[in-house]
Amino acid sequence: MKIFSKMFAGQSLISWGLQLILIYIAWQVADQHIENNLWTITGVAALLLLTYASLSRDGKQRTK
């Protein structure tokens, strides 16, 4: 699990992965492959909270 906490360009690999997932979902919604409904919005909101928490954790690790 230490591989996911490795820092790359100031962010952990988990943060990068979560951001890439958000980009992928946004692209799929824009191309109308995924329906823009409450489930999609709820899922993206959860991913945003996870991304925020991960970036916050990365900031705390940098200050140590």
Protein backbone atom coordinates (compact mmCIF):
# COMPACT_ATOMS: atom_id res chain seq x y z
CA MET A 1 0.00 0.00 0.00
CA LYS A 2 2.98 2.33 0.29
CA ILE A 3 3.05 2.61 -3.50
CA PHE A 4 -0.24 4.56 -3.42
CA SER A 5 1.13 7.06 -0.91
CA LYS A 6 4.18 7.85 -3.06
CA MET A 7 4.22 11.49 -4.07
CA PHE A 8 4.31 12.47 -7.73
CA ALA A 9 4.25 16.17 -8.63
CA GLY A 10 3.11 17.06 -5.12
CA GLN A 11 0.20 14.60 -4.99
CA SER A 12 -0.14 10.96 -4.07
CA LEU A 13 -1.02 8.38 -6.69
CA ILE A 14 -4.43 7.95 -5.04
CA SER A 15 -5.19 11.63 -5.64
CA TRP A 16 -4.11 11.34 -9.27
CA GLY A 17 -6.26 8.24 -9.73
CA LEU A 18 -9.35 9.86 -8.23
CA GLN A 19 -8.93 12.92 -10.44
CA LEU A 20 -8.55 10.74 -13.54
CA ILE A 21 -11.75 8.89 -12.61
CA LEU A 22 -13.58 12.23 -12.32
CA ILE A 23 -12.29 13.31 -15.74
CA TYR A 24 -13.38 9.98 -17.24
CA ILE A 25 -16.89 10.27 -15.79
CA ALA A 26 -17.22 13.88 -16.99
CA TRP A 27 -16.13 12.82 -20.47
CA GLN A 28 -18.60 9.93 -20.53
CA VAL A 29 -21.46 12.21 -19.44
CA ALA A 30 -20.50 14.80 -22.07
CA ASP A 31 -20.53 12.10 -24.76
CA GLN A 32 -23.87 10.84 -23.36
CA HIS A 33 -22.51 7.34 -22.64
CA ILE A 34 -23.45 7.79 -18.97
CA GLU A 35 -26.80 9.31 -18.11
CA ASN A 36 -26.74 12.58 -16.20
CA ASN A 37 -29.05 11.69 -13.32
CA LEU A 38 -29.13 11.70 -9.52
CA TRP A 39 -27.00 8.51 -9.24
CA THR A 40 -24.24 10.01 -11.37
CA ILE A 41 -24.29 13.28 -9.46
CA THR A 42 -24.23 11.45 -6.11
CA GLY A 43 -21.34 9.25 -7.23
CA VAL A 44 -19.34 12.23 -8.46
CA ALA A 45 -20.04 14.10 -5.22
CA ALA A 46 -18.65 11.14 -3.25
CA LEU A 47 -15.58 11.06 -5.51
CA LEU A 48 -15.07 14.79 -4.99
CA LEU A 49 -15.15 14.34 -1.22
CA LEU A 50 -12.65 11.47 -1.45
CA THR A 51 -10.40 13.58 -3.69
CA TYR A 52 -10.56 16.50 -1.26
CA ALA A 53 -9.72 14.22 1.68
CA SER A 54 -6.82 12.68 -0.23
CA LEU A 55 -5.41 16.07 -1.21
CA SER A 56 -5.78 17.26 2.37
CA ARG A 57 -3.87 14.21 3.58
CA ASP A 58 -1.16 14.89 0.99
CA GLY A 59 -0.79 18.45 2.29
CA LYS A 60 -0.36 17.20 5.85
CA GLN A 61 2.32 14.71 4.72
CA ARG A 62 4.27 17.47 2.97
CA THR A 63 4.43 19.61 6.11
CA LYS A 64 5.95 16.84 8.22
